[in-house]
Amino acid sequence: MFFTLLMTDKTVSGLRKIVPHTKDRLIKFLFWHSMFFTLSTPIMRGVRGTWLYVASVPTALGREDGIFEAYPPTTERLDRAWIPHAFFGLLWLCFGAFQMINFDYSSPNLHKHMGKVATLVFLGHMAAAAYNLYTDALNHTWVNKVLLSVDLYDGFYYMVRGLMDIYGKKNDWRVAHKDHMFLAFISSIEGAGTIRTIANFHWLLEIAGLPSNSFLYKILGTGLGKCQATYRTVGTVCEVPYSFRLLWVRFLSNCYVSIYTSFTPRMDRVMKSRWSSWTSGFVVAVLGFALGVNPGKAMITFVIAQLALYAVENCEASKFLPQWEYTIFTKSNDEEKVDSECMPTPPCVRRIYSFQTAAKLVFL
């Protein structure tokens, strides 16, 4: 619903004039964009001798509020987690982008061999990110660990699917391979340029004067930088703004997927699925925050709601739903014959059922 209202024909037409309209241009944009927003952090580690919160835009403008202390004291343990994470993240950004825009048609053999190297770099990136999460220098709560783990899972899952496309060689496997690798790339760079873009957007909101006690300020996660500067953690008191920042990171990733879909119509189903999932999660998060529900309970609510959706979509939920809901799921306009054992769930009913389930769990 949200995405449908947002992406009108006029909006799409206007966006096409300013956003990349080919795969290669989109990947190049993501590469340079991520480099600009990410390189500043390890560079400052080398220059200042400690890890600092760095917002690239205000730093480039020479503002003093672009760099500040927000992390625990730099120790050997912290460096062992963050230096490999930064190194392999930037290395994967280079190899991943290079692999997707070079040699796929002009030199298939070179593309194949470079793909093996890129896969090893990706595995190094995933391992470094997992070790960073394991080290947990910022004391993440279990809710935020789950959100970060989903990011790791998504990247790894789509990479495996992309490799399976190569070795399975089913119909249109080259097309599927490209799509899965793009999705893997998008998920795997969320900790680079994507999250830092949101951080810089939050800085813009701060200097624009968005009231820190407003509801909008809080659900946008705007106050995370200030919270980290005060408490040097993203757990406990900073849990809520960090959770909302991660939600907006996935929002931006979905925007990238939407741009890709604008010139790759076959990705329409994936795009809509991602937006549906994000909208459900965001609604539950906002409702939970507004009602003062513990973030952990809100997370459990969302997971249960998604499991309920999954059950409905796999044609098992009809056994457990009331009769009127079963009727909705098994009727299909003017069709005379309906397969009651495997009936696709109408999107509008699917969303209603999801929000009904979430609301009941929130109010328990």
Protein backbone atom coordinates (compact mmCIF):
# COMPACT_ATOMS: atom_id res chain seq x y z
CA MET A 1 0.00 0.00 0.00
CA PHE A 2 2.69 2.49 1.05
CA PHE A 3 4.89 1.66 -1.92
CA THR A 4 1.95 1.70 -4.36
CA LEU A 5 0.96 5.20 -3.25
CA LEU A 6 4.54 6.41 -3.41
CA MET A 7 5.48 5.04 -6.84
CA THR A 8 2.90 6.70 -9.11
CA ASP A 9 3.50 6.96 -12.88
CA LYS A 10 4.60 10.58 -12.55
CA THR A 11 6.97 9.70 -9.71
CA VAL A 12 8.54 6.85 -11.66
CA SER A 13 8.85 9.03 -14.78
CA GLY A 14 10.59 11.74 -12.78
CA LEU A 15 12.92 9.34 -11.03
CA ARG A 16 14.04 7.81 -14.33
CA LYS A 17 15.50 11.18 -15.30
CA ILE A 18 17.80 11.37 -12.26
CA VAL A 19 18.53 7.78 -11.23
CA PRO A 20 20.69 5.19 -13.06
CA HIS A 21 18.69 3.36 -15.72
CA THR A 22 21.04 0.47 -16.51
CA LYS A 23 22.62 -2.20 -14.34
CA ASP A 24 26.17 -1.02 -14.99
CA ARG A 25 25.36 2.59 -14.14
CA LEU A 26 23.56 1.56 -10.96
CA ILE A 27 26.50 -0.59 -9.81
CA LYS A 28 28.98 2.20 -10.58
CA PHE A 29 26.85 4.64 -8.60
CA LEU A 30 26.67 2.26 -5.64
CA PHE A 31 30.43 1.69 -5.80
CA TRP A 32 31.47 5.36 -5.75
CA HIS A 33 28.72 6.30 -3.36
CA SER A 34 29.75 3.58 -0.89
CA MET A 35 33.43 4.42 -1.24
CA PHE A 36 32.79 8.08 -0.44
CA PHE A 37 30.77 7.31 2.67
CA THR A 38 32.88 4.38 3.94
CA LEU A 39 36.55 5.24 3.37
CA SER A 40 36.50 8.13 5.84
CA THR A 41 36.12 5.83 8.86
CA PRO A 42 39.27 3.66 8.38
CA ILE A 43 41.20 6.73 7.18
CA MET A 44 40.42 8.53 10.43
CA ARG A 45 41.44 5.41 12.36
CA GLY A 46 44.87 5.68 10.75
CA VAL A 47 45.15 9.46 11.16
CA ARG A 48 43.78 9.85 14.69
CA GLY A 49 44.84 6.47 16.07
CA THR A 50 41.34 5.64 17.31
CA TRP A 51 37.94 4.70 15.93
CA LEU A 52 35.65 7.69 15.48
CA TYR A 53 32.10 8.30 14.32
CA VAL A 54 32.59 9.94 10.91
CA ALA A 55 29.86 11.50 8.77
CA SER A 56 31.39 12.14 5.35
CA VAL A 57 29.18 15.03 4.22
CA PRO A 58 29.76 17.40 7.19
CA THR A 59 33.43 16.33 7.28
CA ALA A 60 33.84 17.22 3.59
CA LEU A 61 32.18 20.58 4.33
CA GLY A 62 34.68 21.24 7.11
CA ARG A 63 32.12 21.15 9.92
CA GLU A 64 33.18 20.16 13.42
CA ASP A 65 30.10 18.01 14.04
CA GLY A 66 31.11 15.50 11.36
CA ILE A 67 33.65 13.64 13.53
CA PHE A 68 33.27 12.77 17.20
CA GLU A 69 33.90 10.09 19.83
CA ALA A 70 31.11 7.52 19.86
CA TYR A 71 32.83 4.15 20.37
CA PRO A 72 34.54 2.36 23.26
CA PRO A 73 38.29 3.02 23.73
CA THR A 74 40.32 1.51 20.89
CA THR A 75 41.94 -1.74 22.04
CA GLU A 76 43.73 -4.61 20.32
CA ARG A 77 40.53 -6.67 20.59
CA LEU A 78 38.53 -3.92 18.90
CA ASP A 79 41.08 -3.58 16.11
CA ARG A 80 41.07 -7.34 15.52
CA ALA A 81 37.33 -7.13 14.85
CA TRP A 82 36.99 -3.84 13.02
CA ILE A 83 40.12 -3.69 10.84
CA PRO A 84 39.35 -6.98 8.98
CA HIS A 85 35.72 -5.92 8.77
CA ALA A 86 36.69 -2.62 7.10
CA PHE A 87 39.37 -4.22 4.90
CA PHE A 88 37.26 -7.05 3.51
CA GLY A 89 34.21 -4.80 3.24
CA LEU A 90 36.05 -2.36 0.99
CA LEU A 91 37.76 -5.21 -0.90
CA TRP A 92 34.42 -6.87 -1.59
CA LEU A 93 32.97 -3.55 -2.69
CA CYS A 94 35.73 -3.33 -5.31
CA PHE A 95 35.68 -6.96 -6.48
CA GLY A 96 31.88 -7.28 -6.38
CA ALA A 97 31.26 -4.12 -8.39
CA PHE A 98 34.07 -4.92 -10.85
CA GLN A 99 32.80 -8.45 -11.41
CA MET A 100 29.24 -7.34 -12.17
CA ILE A 101 30.12 -4.74 -14.79
CA ASN A 102 33.04 -6.41 -16.60
CA PHE A 103 33.70 -9.42 -18.85
CA ASP A 104 30.27 -11.09 -18.61
CA TYR A 105 29.82 -10.83 -22.39
CA SER A 106 33.22 -9.80 -23.76
CA SER A 107 35.22 -12.52 -22.01
CA PRO A 108 33.13 -15.24 -20.31
CA ASN A 109 36.21 -17.26 -19.27
CA LEU A 110 37.82 -14.29 -17.53
CA HIS A 111 34.48 -13.50 -15.90
CA LYS A 112 34.36 -17.09 -14.64
CA HIS A 113 37.88 -17.04 -13.15
CA MET A 114 37.48 -13.58 -11.63
CA GLY A 115 34.19 -14.78 -10.19
CA LYS A 116 36.05 -17.40 -8.17
CA VAL A 117 38.32 -14.72 -6.73
CA ALA A 118 35.33 -12.47 -6.00
CA THR A 119 33.60 -15.35 -4.22
CA LEU A 120 36.61 -15.86 -1.94
CA VAL A 121 36.67 -12.13 -1.16
CA PHE A 122 32.94 -12.28 -0.41
CA LEU A 123 33.48 -15.18 2.00
CA GLY A 124 36.22 -13.16 3.72
CA HIS A 125 33.80 -10.24 3.99
CA MET A 126 31.07 -12.44 5.48
CA ALA A 127 33.50 -14.07 7.94
CA ALA A 128 34.86 -10.68 9.08
CA ALA A 129 31.32 -9.32 9.51
CA ALA A 130 30.26 -12.40 11.49
CA TYR A 131 33.35 -12.12 13.72
CA ASN A 132 32.60 -8.44 14.26
CA LEU A 133 29.07 -9.34 15.37
CA TYR A 134 30.49 -12.07 17.62
CA THR A 135 32.98 -9.67 19.22
CA ASP A 136 30.12 -7.23 19.87
CA ALA A 137 32.18 -4.20 20.89
CA LEU A 138 29.10 -1.97 20.94
CA ASN A 139 27.04 -4.31 23.15
CA HIS A 140 24.15 -4.90 20.77
CA THR A 141 20.90 -6.16 22.23
CA TRP A 142 19.58 -9.48 20.94
CA VAL A 143 17.00 -7.62 18.84
CA ASN A 144 19.65 -5.71 16.93
CA LYS A 145 21.81 -8.82 16.65
CA VAL A 146 18.88 -10.51 14.91
CA LEU A 147 18.50 -7.55 12.51
CA LEU A 148 22.21 -7.59 11.72
CA SER A 149 22.17 -11.37 11.30
CA VAL A 150 19.34 -11.07 8.77
CA ASP A 151 21.61 -8.81 6.73
CA LEU A 152 24.37 -11.44 6.79
CA TYR A 153 21.92 -14.21 5.97
CA ASP A 154 20.44 -12.32 3.01
CA GLY A 155 23.84 -11.68 1.43
CA PHE A 156 24.98 -15.28 1.91
CA TYR A 157 21.65 -16.72 0.74
CA TYR A 158 21.59 -14.77 -2.52
CA MET A 159 25.25 -15.55 -3.19
CA VAL A 160 24.54 -19.28 -2.82
CA ARG A 161 21.52 -18.96 -5.10
CA GLY A 162 23.65 -17.16 -7.67
CA LEU A 163 26.27 -19.92 -7.60
CA MET A 164 23.58 -22.60 -7.83
CA ASP A 165 22.30 -20.90 -10.97
CA ILE A 166 25.70 -21.43 -12.59
CA TYR A 167 26.06 -25.08 -11.70
CA GLY A 168 22.38 -25.97 -12.18
CA LYS A 169 22.13 -24.28 -15.59
CA LYS A 170 18.33 -24.35 -15.66
CA ASN A 171 16.26 -22.25 -18.05
CA ASP A 172 17.35 -18.60 -18.10
CA TRP A 173 20.07 -19.37 -15.56
CA ARG A 174 22.21 -16.42 -16.68
CA VAL A 175 19.37 -14.01 -15.97
CA ALA A 176 18.70 -15.57 -12.57
CA HIS A 177 22.44 -15.50 -11.79
CA LYS A 178 22.63 -11.75 -12.47
CA ASP A 179 19.57 -11.00 -10.34
CA HIS A 180 20.74 -13.09 -7.39
CA MET A 181 24.22 -11.59 -7.49
CA PHE A 182 22.78 -8.09 -7.55
CA LEU A 183 20.64 -8.88 -4.49
CA ALA A 184 23.67 -10.38 -2.74
CA PHE A 185 25.67 -7.24 -3.47
CA ILE A 186 22.90 -4.94 -2.19
CA SER A 187 22.54 -6.86 1.08
CA SER A 188 26.28 -7.21 1.63
CA ILE A 189 27.02 -3.48 1.35
CA GLU A 190 24.36 -2.38 3.83
CA GLY A 191 27.09 -1.97 6.44
CA ALA A 192 29.10 0.27 4.10
CA GLY A 193 27.58 3.11 2.11
CA THR A 194 23.94 2.31 2.91
CA ILE A 195 24.02 2.70 6.68
CA ARG A 196 26.31 5.72 6.40
CA THR A 197 23.91 7.36 3.96
CA ILE A 198 21.20 7.08 6.62
CA ALA A 199 23.63 8.48 9.23
CA ASN A 200 24.33 11.50 7.02
CA PHE A 201 20.60 11.95 6.44
CA HIS A 202 20.13 12.00 10.20
CA TRP A 203 22.79 14.70 10.42
CA LEU A 204 20.83 16.77 7.91
CA LEU A 205 17.70 16.39 10.04
CA GLU A 206 19.65 17.52 13.10
CA ILE A 207 20.93 20.71 11.49
CA ALA A 208 17.49 21.31 9.94
CA GLY A 209 16.16 21.62 13.48
CA LEU A 210 13.91 18.57 13.74
CA PRO A 211 12.77 18.64 17.41
CA SER A 212 14.48 15.88 19.38
CA ASN A 213 11.32 15.25 21.41
CA SER A 214 9.11 14.74 18.36
CA PHE A 215 7.66 11.38 17.40
CA LEU A 216 9.09 11.68 13.87
CA TYR A 217 12.60 12.29 15.25
CA LYS A 218 12.39 9.08 17.25
CA ILE A 219 10.96 6.72 14.62
CA LEU A 220 13.53 7.96 12.10
CA GLY A 221 16.28 6.94 14.53
CA THR A 222 17.77 10.42 14.25
CA GLY A 223 19.23 10.62 17.75
CA LEU A 224 21.51 7.59 17.49
CA GLY A 225 24.70 9.63 16.97
CA LYS A 226 24.09 11.72 20.06
CA CYS A 227 23.15 8.63 22.06
CA GLN A 228 26.36 6.85 21.04
CA ALA A 229 28.43 9.92 21.85
CA THR A 230 26.96 9.93 25.36
CA TYR A 231 26.91 6.22 26.21
CA ARG A 232 29.44 4.67 23.73
CA THR A 233 27.08 1.80 22.95
CA VAL A 234 24.16 0.90 20.68
CA GLY A 235 22.58 -1.34 23.32
CA THR A 236 20.25 -0.58 26.24
CA VAL A 237 19.41 3.15 26.07
CA CYS A 238 20.43 3.37 22.38
CA GLU A 239 18.64 0.20 21.29
CA VAL A 240 15.51 1.86 19.86
CA PRO A 241 17.21 4.49 17.64
CA TYR A 242 19.65 1.83 16.40
CA SER A 243 16.78 -0.51 15.51
CA PHE A 244 15.02 2.23 13.59
CA ARG A 245 18.24 3.11 11.78
CA LEU A 246 18.58 -0.50 10.63
CA LEU A 247 14.99 -0.43 9.39
CA TRP A 248 15.74 2.67 7.32
CA VAL A 249 18.89 1.01 6.01
CA ARG A 250 16.73 -1.78 4.60
CA PHE A 251 14.35 0.87 3.25
CA LEU A 252 17.21 2.37 1.24
CA SER A 253 18.29 -1.07 0.02
CA ASN A 254 14.73 -1.65 -1.17
CA CYS A 255 14.93 1.64 -3.07
CA TYR A 256 18.02 0.30 -4.88
CA VAL A 257 16.13 -2.90 -5.73
CA SER A 258 13.23 -0.78 -7.00
CA ILE A 259 15.57 1.13 -9.31
CA TYR A 260 16.94 -2.18 -10.60
CA THR A 261 13.38 -3.42 -11.14
CA SER A 262 12.53 -0.30 -13.18
CA PHE A 263 14.67 -1.66 -16.01
CA THR A 264 14.39 -5.34 -15.00
CA PRO A 265 10.63 -6.08 -14.87
CA ARG A 266 11.17 -9.73 -13.99
CA MET A 267 12.21 -8.56 -10.50
CA ASP A 268 8.80 -7.06 -9.78
CA ARG A 269 7.67 -9.92 -7.55
CA VAL A 270 10.86 -9.79 -5.47
CA MET A 271 10.60 -6.02 -5.11
CA LYS A 272 6.98 -6.16 -3.92
CA SER A 273 7.80 -8.94 -1.48
CA ARG A 274 10.63 -6.89 0.03
CA TRP A 275 8.43 -3.81 0.41
CA SER A 276 5.62 -5.86 1.94
CA SER A 277 7.99 -7.35 4.50
CA TRP A 278 9.56 -3.97 5.30
CA THR A 279 6.18 -2.27 5.70
CA SER A 280 4.96 -4.98 8.06
CA GLY A 281 8.10 -4.70 10.17
CA PHE A 282 7.99 -0.90 10.25
CA VAL A 283 4.32 -0.81 11.25
CA VAL A 284 4.94 -3.26 14.09
CA ALA A 285 8.01 -1.28 15.23
CA VAL A 286 6.16 2.05 15.22
CA LEU A 287 3.11 0.59 16.99
CA GLY A 288 5.35 -1.05 19.56
CA PHE A 289 7.25 2.18 20.18
CA ALA A 290 4.06 4.28 20.39
CA LEU A 291 2.51 1.87 22.90
CA GLY A 292 5.71 1.54 24.93
CA VAL A 293 6.13 -2.14 24.07
CA ASN A 294 9.53 -3.69 24.72
CA PRO A 295 11.55 -3.96 21.47
CA GLY A 296 12.05 -7.67 22.09
CA LYS A 297 8.32 -8.25 22.27
CA ALA A 298 7.80 -6.18 19.12
CA MET A 299 10.41 -8.32 17.35
CA ILE A 300 8.69 -11.52 18.44
CA THR A 301 5.38 -10.07 17.24
CA PHE A 302 6.82 -9.38 13.82
CA VAL A 303 8.39 -12.84 13.51
CA ILE A 304 5.14 -14.56 14.48
CA ALA A 305 3.20 -12.39 12.04
CA GLN A 306 5.63 -13.29 9.24
CA LEU A 307 5.40 -16.99 10.13
CA ALA A 308 1.62 -16.71 9.99
CA LEU A 309 1.91 -15.14 6.54
CA TYR A 310 4.23 -17.88 5.42
CA ALA A 311 1.76 -20.50 6.62
CA VAL A 312 -1.10 -18.82 4.78
CA GLU A 313 0.89 -18.50 1.58
CA ASN A 314 1.76 -22.19 1.71
CA CYS A 315 -1.90 -23.20 1.87
CA GLU A 316 -1.83 -24.65 5.39
CA ALA A 317 -3.45 -21.75 7.27
CA SER A 318 -6.94 -22.53 5.95
CA LYS A 319 -7.14 -25.41 8.44
CA PHE A 320 -6.72 -23.07 11.38
CA LEU A 321 -8.57 -19.90 10.26
CA PRO A 322 -12.24 -19.21 11.09
CA GLN A 323 -14.76 -20.11 8.37
CA TRP A 324 -15.26 -16.54 7.12
CA GLU A 325 -11.52 -16.12 6.65
CA TYR A 326 -11.32 -19.48 4.89
CA THR A 327 -14.04 -18.30 2.49
CA ILE A 328 -12.07 -15.15 1.66
CA PHE A 329 -8.97 -17.15 0.91
CA THR A 330 -10.71 -19.75 -1.28
CA LYS A 331 -12.92 -17.56 -3.47
CA SER A 332 -11.49 -15.97 -6.56
CA ASN A 333 -13.83 -13.46 -8.26
CA ASP A 334 -15.80 -15.15 -11.06
CA GLU A 335 -13.80 -18.36 -11.31
CA GLU A 336 -16.09 -21.40 -11.26
CA LYS A 337 -13.54 -23.87 -9.96
CA VAL A 338 -11.22 -23.14 -7.07
CA ASP A 339 -8.41 -25.33 -5.80
CA SER A 340 -9.07 -25.15 -2.06
CA GLU A 341 -5.86 -26.96 -1.21
CA CYS A 342 -3.51 -24.49 -2.85
CA MET A 343 -5.12 -21.08 -3.28
CA PRO A 344 -2.86 -18.02 -3.64
CA THR A 345 -3.55 -15.47 -0.92
CA PRO A 346 -4.80 -12.09 -2.18
CA PRO A 347 -2.22 -9.45 -1.18
CA CYS A 348 -4.80 -7.16 0.50
CA VAL A 349 -6.15 -10.00 2.68
CA ARG A 350 -2.60 -11.17 3.42
CA ARG A 351 -1.64 -7.75 4.76
CA ILE A 352 -4.86 -7.43 6.77
CA TYR A 353 -4.31 -10.81 8.41
CA SER A 354 -0.69 -9.92 9.17
CA PHE A 355 -1.62 -6.64 10.87
CA GLN A 356 -4.50 -8.29 12.74
CA THR A 357 -2.11 -10.89 14.11
CA ALA A 358 0.48 -8.26 14.99
CA ALA A 359 -2.07 -6.03 16.73
CA LYS A 360 -3.39 -8.90 18.84
CA LEU A 361 0.11 -9.83 19.95
CA VAL A 362 1.09 -6.23 20.72
CA PHE A 363 -1.94 -5.76 22.97
CA LEU A 364 -1.44 -9.05 24.86
